[in-house]
Amino acid sequence: MAESFSKKEKIKKKIAKQKEKNARREDRKENNDKGKDLEDMMMYVDQYGQLTSTPPDKNDKIDVDVNNIRLGAAPVEEEEVVKVGIVTFLSEKGYGFITSDSMRENVFFHTNNCAEMIKKGNKVTFEVEKSAKGLVAVDIKIVR
Protein backbone atom coordinates (compact mmCIF):
# COMPACT_ATOMS: atom_id res chain seq x y z
CA MET A 1 0.00 0.00 0.00
CA ALA A 2 1.04 3.54 -0.63
CA GLU A 3 2.03 5.84 2.18
CA SER A 4 -0.52 8.43 3.25
CA PHE A 5 0.06 12.18 3.03
CA SER A 6 0.33 12.66 6.80
CA LYS A 7 2.89 9.87 7.08
CA LYS A 8 5.03 11.52 4.37
CA GLU A 9 4.82 14.85 6.25
CA LYS A 10 5.95 13.23 9.52
CA ILE A 11 8.94 11.67 7.76
CA LYS A 12 9.85 15.06 6.21
CA LYS A 13 9.66 16.76 9.65
CA LYS A 14 11.83 14.05 11.20
CA ILE A 15 14.49 14.45 8.50
CA ALA A 16 14.39 18.29 8.90
CA LYS A 17 14.89 17.95 12.68
CA GLN A 18 17.88 15.66 12.13
CA LYS A 19 19.42 18.17 9.71
CA GLU A 20 18.93 21.03 12.23
CA LYS A 21 20.49 18.91 14.97
CA ASN A 22 23.50 18.12 12.78
CA ALA A 23 23.87 21.80 11.83
CA ARG A 24 23.85 22.82 15.51
CA ARG A 25 26.42 20.13 16.31
CA GLU A 26 28.71 21.37 13.52
CA ASP A 27 28.27 24.98 14.74
CA ARG A 28 29.28 23.97 18.27
CA LYS A 29 32.35 22.21 16.91
CA GLU A 30 33.42 25.31 14.97
CA ASN A 31 32.84 27.76 17.84
CA ASN A 32 34.32 25.54 20.52
CA ASP A 33 36.22 27.36 23.30
CA LYS A 34 38.16 24.26 24.28
CA GLY A 35 41.84 24.50 23.62
CA LYS A 36 41.83 28.31 23.41
CA ASP A 37 44.45 30.38 25.15
CA LEU A 38 43.56 31.93 28.52
CA GLU A 39 44.26 35.40 27.10
CA ASP A 40 41.62 34.83 24.40
CA MET A 41 38.98 34.10 27.04
CA MET A 42 39.82 36.99 29.42
CA MET A 43 37.58 40.06 29.73
CA TYR A 44 38.42 43.31 31.52
CA VAL A 45 36.30 46.07 32.98
CA ASP A 46 37.23 49.60 31.90
CA GLN A 47 36.88 52.80 33.96
CA TYR A 48 33.27 53.23 32.80
CA GLY A 49 32.22 49.70 33.84
CA GLN A 50 32.13 48.33 30.28
CA LEU A 51 33.58 44.93 29.37
CA THR A 52 36.56 45.05 27.01
CA SER A 53 39.06 42.55 25.69
CA THR A 54 42.03 44.91 26.18
CA PRO A 55 43.72 45.08 29.58
CA PRO A 56 43.72 48.42 31.42
CA ASP A 57 46.64 50.81 30.95
CA LYS A 58 49.05 50.67 33.89
CA ASN A 59 49.87 54.39 33.52
CA ASP A 60 46.26 55.45 34.22
CA LYS A 61 46.35 53.85 37.64
CA ILE A 62 45.13 56.08 40.50
CA ASP A 63 46.86 55.77 43.86
CA VAL A 64 44.45 55.55 46.80
CA ASP A 65 45.56 56.37 50.32
CA VAL A 66 44.30 53.60 52.60
CA ASN A 67 44.14 55.99 55.56
CA ASN A 68 41.48 58.12 53.81
CA ILE A 69 39.05 55.21 53.51
CA ARG A 70 36.35 55.32 56.19
CA LEU A 71 34.68 52.15 57.32
CA GLY A 72 31.32 52.27 59.06
CA ALA A 73 29.00 55.22 59.50
CA ALA A 74 30.19 58.75 58.86
CA PRO A 75 30.96 60.75 61.98
CA VAL A 76 28.08 62.88 63.24
CA GLU A 77 28.84 66.56 63.34
CA GLU A 78 27.63 68.24 66.50
CA GLU A 79 24.98 70.87 66.05
CA GLU A 80 25.02 74.08 67.97
CA VAL A 81 23.14 73.58 71.23
CA VAL A 82 21.57 77.04 71.49
CA LYS A 83 19.52 77.99 68.43
CA VAL A 84 17.98 81.29 67.41
CA GLY A 85 14.50 81.71 65.98
CA ILE A 86 11.36 83.84 65.84
CA VAL A 87 8.07 83.09 67.60
CA THR A 88 5.66 82.63 64.67
CA PHE A 89 2.58 81.45 66.56
CA LEU A 90 1.45 81.86 70.16
CA SER A 91 -1.84 80.52 71.45
CA GLU A 92 -3.86 81.88 74.36
CA LYS A 93 -3.60 78.41 75.89
CA GLY A 94 0.16 78.78 76.39
CA TYR A 95 1.73 76.94 73.50
CA GLY A 96 3.21 78.04 70.20
CA PHE A 97 5.82 77.51 67.51
CA ILE A 98 9.27 78.96 66.93
CA THR A 99 10.71 79.05 63.41
CA SER A 100 14.40 78.30 63.68
CA ASP A 101 16.77 80.45 61.58
CA SER A 102 19.16 77.58 60.83
CA MET A 103 16.75 74.67 60.35
CA ARG A 104 13.81 76.59 58.81
CA GLU A 105 11.52 74.26 60.77
CA ASN A 106 8.81 74.99 63.28
CA VAL A 107 9.61 73.78 66.79
CA PHE A 108 6.81 73.40 69.33
CA PHE A 109 7.10 75.13 72.71
CA HIS A 110 5.04 75.72 75.85
CA THR A 111 5.16 78.86 77.98
CA ASN A 112 6.22 76.74 80.98
CA ASN A 113 9.63 76.39 79.23
CA CYS A 114 10.05 80.19 78.88
CA ALA A 115 12.25 82.15 81.26
CA GLU A 116 10.22 85.35 80.63
CA MET A 117 6.98 86.42 78.93
CA ILE A 118 7.22 86.25 75.16
CA LYS A 119 5.02 87.54 72.36
CA LYS A 120 4.48 86.65 68.72
CA GLY A 121 7.34 88.03 66.59
CA ASN A 122 9.94 88.02 69.40
CA LYS A 123 13.42 86.81 68.49
CA VAL A 124 14.41 84.11 70.97
CA THR A 125 17.19 81.66 71.78
CA PHE A 126 16.28 78.09 72.71
CA GLU A 127 17.50 74.53 72.98
CA VAL A 128 15.84 71.58 71.28
CA GLU A 129 14.93 68.34 73.03
CA LYS A 130 13.19 65.24 71.76
CA SER A 131 9.88 64.35 73.35
CA ALA A 132 7.37 61.58 72.75
CA LYS A 133 5.59 63.73 70.14
CA GLY A 134 8.67 65.21 68.43
CA LEU A 135 11.05 68.13 68.91
CA VAL A 136 10.29 70.62 71.71
CA ALA A 137 11.96 73.96 72.45
CA VAL A 138 13.15 74.43 76.05
CA ASP A 139 15.05 77.10 77.98
CA ILE A 140 13.57 79.87 75.82
CA LYS A 141 14.96 83.40 76.30
CA ILE A 142 14.33 86.66 74.44
CA VAL A 143 17.25 88.06 72.43
CA ARG A 144 17.76 91.78 73.10
C-alpha atoms as a PDB file:
ATOM      1  CA  MET A   1       0.000   0.000   0.000  1.00  0.00           C
ATOM      2  CA  ALA A   2       1.041   3.538  -0.632  1.00  0.00           C
ATOM      3  CA  GLU A   3       2.027   5.837   2.185  1.00  0.00           C
ATOM      4  CA  SER A   4      -0.517   8.430   3.255  1.00  0.00           C
ATOM      5  CA  PHE A   5       0.057  12.177   3.026  1.00  0.00           C
ATOM      6  CA  SER A   6       0.329  12.664   6.799  1.00  0.00           C
ATOM      7  CA  LYS A   7       2.887   9.870   7.079  1.00  0.00           C
ATOM      8  CA  LYS A   8       5.030  11.516   4.373  1.00  0.00           C
ATOM      9  CA  GLU A   9       4.817  14.855   6.245  1.00  0.00           C
ATOM     10  CA  LYS A  10       5.946  13.231   9.518  1.00  0.00           C
ATOM     11  CA  ILE A  11       8.944  11.674   7.755  1.00  0.00           C
ATOM     12  CA  LYS A  12       9.850  15.063   6.212  1.00  0.00           C
ATOM     13  CA  LYS A  13       9.661  16.759   9.646  1.00  0.00           C
ATOM     14  CA  LYS A  14      11.831  14.045  11.197  1.00  0.00           C
ATOM     15  CA  ILE A  15      14.487  14.455   8.498  1.00  0.00           C
ATOM     16  CA  ALA A  16      14.393  18.289   8.897  1.00  0.00           C
ATOM     17  CA  LYS A  17      14.892  17.951  12.684  1.00  0.00           C
ATOM     18  CA  GLN A  18      17.879  15.656  12.135  1.00  0.00           C
ATOM     19  CA  LYS A  19      19.418  18.172   9.707  1.00  0.00           C
ATOM     20  CA  GLU A  20      18.932  21.029  12.228  1.00  0.00           C
ATOM     21  CA  LYS A  21      20.486  18.914  14.966  1.00  0.00           C
ATOM     22  CA  ASN A  22      23.498  18.116  12.777  1.00  0.00           C
ATOM     23  CA  ALA A  23      23.875  21.798  11.829  1.00  0.00           C
ATOM     24  CA  ARG A  24      23.848  22.822  15.514  1.00  0.00           C
ATOM     25  CA  ARG A  25      26.421  20.129  16.306  1.00  0.00           C
ATOM     26  CA  GLU A  26      28.714  21.373  13.518  1.00  0.00           C
ATOM     27  CA  ASP A  27      28.267  24.979  14.736  1.00  0.00           C
ATOM     28  CA  ARG A  28      29.278  23.967  18.275  1.00  0.00           C
ATOM     29  CA  LYS A  29      32.354  22.211  16.914  1.00  0.00           C
ATOM     30  CA  GLU A  30      33.420  25.309  14.965  1.00  0.00           C
ATOM     31  CA  ASN A  31      32.840  27.757  17.836  1.00  0.00           C
ATOM     32  CA  ASN A  32      34.318  25.538  20.524  1.00  0.00           C
ATOM     33  CA  ASP A  33      36.222  27.356  23.304  1.00  0.00           C
ATOM     34  CA  LYS A  34      38.163  24.259  24.275  1.00  0.00           C
ATOM     35  CA  GLY A  35      41.839  24.504  23.619  1.00  0.00           C
ATOM     36  CA  LYS A  36      41.830  28.312  23.410  1.00  0.00           C
ATOM     37  CA  ASP A  37      44.452  30.381  25.146  1.00  0.00           C
ATOM     38  CA  LEU A  38      43.564  31.931  28.520  1.00  0.00           C
ATOM     39  CA  GLU A  39      44.257  35.400  27.096  1.00  0.00           C
ATOM     40  CA  ASP A  40      41.616  34.827  24.400  1.00  0.00           C
ATOM     41  CA  MET A  41      38.980  34.098  27.041  1.00  0.00           C
ATOM     42  CA  MET A  42      39.823  36.994  29.423  1.00  0.00           C
ATOM     43  CA  MET A  43      37.579  40.056  29.728  1.00  0.00           C
ATOM     44  CA  TYR A  44      38.419  43.310  31.524  1.00  0.00           C
ATOM     45  CA  VAL A  45      36.300  46.073  32.983  1.00  0.00           C
ATOM     46  CA  ASP A  46      37.227  49.604  31.905  1.00  0.00           C
ATOM     47  CA  GLN A  47      36.880  52.797  33.959  1.00  0.00           C
ATOM     48  CA  TYR A  48      33.268  53.227  32.802  1.00  0.00           C
ATOM     49  CA  GLY A  49      32.222  49.701  33.838  1.00  0.00           C
ATOM     50  CA  GLN A  50      32.129  48.327  30.277  1.00  0.00           C
ATOM     51  CA  LEU A  51      33.583  44.929  29.369  1.00  0.00           C
ATOM     52  CA  THR A  52      36.562  45.054  27.006  1.00  0.00           C
ATOM     53  CA  SER A  53      39.060  42.547  25.689  1.00  0.00           C
ATOM     54  CA  THR A  54      42.030  44.911  26.182  1.00  0.00           C
ATOM     55  CA  PRO A  55      43.719  45.082  29.579  1.00  0.00           C
ATOM     56  CA  PRO A  56      43.716  48.421  31.420  1.00  0.00           C
ATOM     57  CA  ASP A  57      46.640  50.812  30.950  1.00  0.00           C
ATOM     58  CA  LYS A  58      49.046  50.671  33.889  1.00  0.00           C
ATOM     59  CA  ASN A  59      49.867  54.394  33.518  1.00  0.00           C
ATOM     60  CA  ASP A  60      46.257  55.448  34.215  1.00  0.00           C
ATOM     61  CA  LYS A  61      46.345  53.853  37.642  1.00  0.00           C
ATOM     62  CA  ILE A  62      45.125  56.085  40.503  1.00  0.00           C
ATOM     63  CA  ASP A  63      46.860  55.769  43.862  1.00  0.00           C
ATOM     64  CA  VAL A  64      44.446  55.547  46.799  1.00  0.00           C
ATOM     65  CA  ASP A  65      45.558  56.372  50.317  1.00  0.00           C
ATOM     66  CA  VAL A  66      44.301  53.600  52.595  1.00  0.00           C
ATOM     67  CA  ASN A  67      44.139  55.988  55.557  1.00  0.00           C
ATOM     68  CA  ASN A  68      41.483  58.115  53.807  1.00  0.00           C
ATOM     69  CA  ILE A  69      39.049  55.209  53.510  1.00  0.00           C
ATOM     70  CA  ARG A  70      36.351  55.319  56.195  1.00  0.00           C
ATOM     71  CA  LEU A  71      34.681  52.146  57.323  1.00  0.00           C
ATOM     72  CA  GLY A  72      31.319  52.273  59.057  1.00  0.00           C
ATOM     73  CA  ALA A  73      29.002  55.215  59.498  1.00  0.00           C
ATOM     74  CA  ALA A  74      30.186  58.755  58.857  1.00  0.00           C
ATOM     75  CA  PRO A  75      30.957  60.748  61.983  1.00  0.00           C
ATOM     76  CA  VAL A  76      28.080  62.878  63.243  1.00  0.00           C
ATOM     77  CA  GLU A  77      28.835  66.562  63.344  1.00  0.00           C
ATOM     78  CA  GLU A  78      27.634  68.239  66.497  1.00  0.00           C
ATOM     79  CA  GLU A  79      24.983  70.871  66.050  1.00  0.00           C
ATOM     80  CA  GLU A  80      25.016  74.084  67.965  1.00  0.00           C
ATOM     81  CA  VAL A  81      23.142  73.577  71.227  1.00  0.00           C
ATOM     82  CA  VAL A  82      21.571  77.039  71.486  1.00  0.00           C
ATOM     83  CA  LYS A  83      19.518  77.989  68.428  1.00  0.00           C
ATOM     84  CA  VAL A  84      17.983  81.289  67.409  1.00  0.00           C
ATOM     85  CA  GLY A  85      14.501  81.715  65.983  1.00  0.00           C
ATOM     86  CA  ILE A  86      11.356  83.840  65.840  1.00  0.00           C
ATOM     87  CA  VAL A  87       8.069  83.090  67.598  1.00  0.00           C
ATOM     88  CA  THR A  88       5.656  82.629  64.673  1.00  0.00           C
ATOM     89  CA  PHE A  89       2.580  81.446  66.561  1.00  0.00           C
ATOM     90  CA  LEU A  90       1.452  81.860  70.162  1.00  0.00           C
ATOM     91  CA  SER A  91      -1.842  80.522  71.453  1.00  0.00           C
ATOM     92  CA  GLU A  92      -3.858  81.884  74.356  1.00  0.00           C
ATOM     93  CA  LYS A  93      -3.605  78.408  75.887  1.00  0.00           C
ATOM     94  CA  GLY A  94       0.156  78.782  76.389  1.00  0.00           C
ATOM     95  CA  TYR A  95       1.734  76.940  73.500  1.00  0.00           C
ATOM     96  CA  GLY A  96       3.208  78.036  70.196  1.00  0.00           C
ATOM     97  CA  PHE A  97       5.825  77.512  67.514  1.00  0.00           C
ATOM     98  CA  ILE A  98       9.269  78.955  66.928  1.00  0.00           C
ATOM     99  CA  THR A  99      10.707  79.054  63.407  1.00  0.00           C
ATOM    100  CA  SER A 100      14.404  78.298  63.682  1.00  0.00           C
ATOM    101  CA  ASP A 101      16.767  80.452  61.578  1.00  0.00           C
ATOM    102  CA  SER A 102      19.164  77.584  60.827  1.00  0.00           C
ATOM    103  CA  MET A 103      16.748  74.673  60.348  1.00  0.00           C
ATOM    104  CA  ARG A 104      13.809  76.590  58.808  1.00  0.00           C
ATOM    105  CA  GLU A 105      11.521  74.264  60.773  1.00  0.00           C
ATOM    106  CA  ASN A 106       8.806  74.988  63.277  1.00  0.00           C
ATOM    107  CA  VAL A 107       9.608  73.783  66.785  1.00  0.00           C
ATOM    108  CA  PHE A 108       6.808  73.395  69.330  1.00  0.00           C
ATOM    109  CA  PHE A 109       7.101  75.127  72.715  1.00  0.00           C
ATOM    110  CA  HIS A 110       5.036  75.716  75.853  1.00  0.00           C
ATOM    111  CA  THR A 111       5.162  78.864  77.984  1.00  0.00           C
ATOM    112  CA  ASN A 112       6.219  76.740  80.976  1.00  0.00           C
ATOM    113  CA  ASN A 113       9.626  76.390  79.231  1.00  0.00           C
ATOM    114  CA  CYS A 114      10.053  80.186  78.878  1.00  0.00           C
ATOM    115  CA  ALA A 115      12.245  82.151  81.260  1.00  0.00           C
ATOM    116  CA  GLU A 116      10.221  85.345  80.625  1.00  0.00           C
ATOM    117  CA  MET A 117       6.983  86.417  78.928  1.00  0.00           C
ATOM    118  CA  ILE A 118       7.220  86.251  75.156  1.00  0.00           C
ATOM    119  CA  LYS A 119       5.016  87.537  72.356  1.00  0.00           C
ATOM    120  CA  LYS A 120       4.482  86.647  68.717  1.00  0.00           C
ATOM    121  CA  GLY A 121       7.339  88.032  66.586  1.00  0.00           C
ATOM    122  CA  ASN A 122       9.943  88.021  69.396  1.00  0.00           C
ATOM    123  CA  LYS A 123      13.420  86.810  68.494  1.00  0.00           C
ATOM    124  CA  VAL A 124      14.414  84.109  70.967  1.00  0.00           C
ATOM    125  CA  THR A 125      17.192  81.655  71.783  1.00  0.00           C
ATOM    126  CA  PHE A 126      16.278  78.090  72.707  1.00  0.00           C
ATOM    127  CA  GLU A 127      17.498  74.529  72.984  1.00  0.00           C
ATOM    128  CA  VAL A 128      15.836  71.583  71.279  1.00  0.00           C
ATOM    129  CA  GLU A 129      14.928  68.341  73.035  1.00  0.00           C
ATOM    130  CA  LYS A 130      13.190  65.238  71.761  1.00  0.00           C
ATOM    131  CA  SER A 131       9.875  64.351  73.346  1.00  0.00           C
ATOM    132  CA  ALA A 132       7.371  61.583  72.749  1.00  0.00           C
ATOM    133  CA  LYS A 133       5.594  63.735  70.137  1.00  0.00           C
ATOM    134  CA  GLY A 134       8.669  65.206  68.426  1.00  0.00           C
ATOM    135  CA  LEU A 135      11.046  68.132  68.911  1.00  0.00           C
ATOM    136  CA  VAL A 136      10.290  70.619  71.713  1.00  0.00           C
ATOM    137  CA  ALA A 137      11.963  73.960  72.451  1.00  0.00           C
ATOM    138  CA  VAL A 138      13.146  74.426  76.048  1.00  0.00           C
ATOM    139  CA  ASP A 139      15.046  77.103  77.978  1.00  0.00           C
ATOM    140  CA  ILE A 140      13.568  79.873  75.818  1.00  0.00           C
ATOM    141  CA  LYS A 141      14.964  83.399  76.302  1.00  0.00           C
ATOM    142  CA  ILE A 142      14.332  86.658  74.443  1.00  0.00           C
ATOM    143  CA  VAL A 143      17.251  88.062  72.427  1.00  0.00           C
ATOM    144  CA  ARG A 144      17.762  91.779  73.097  1.00  0.00           C
END
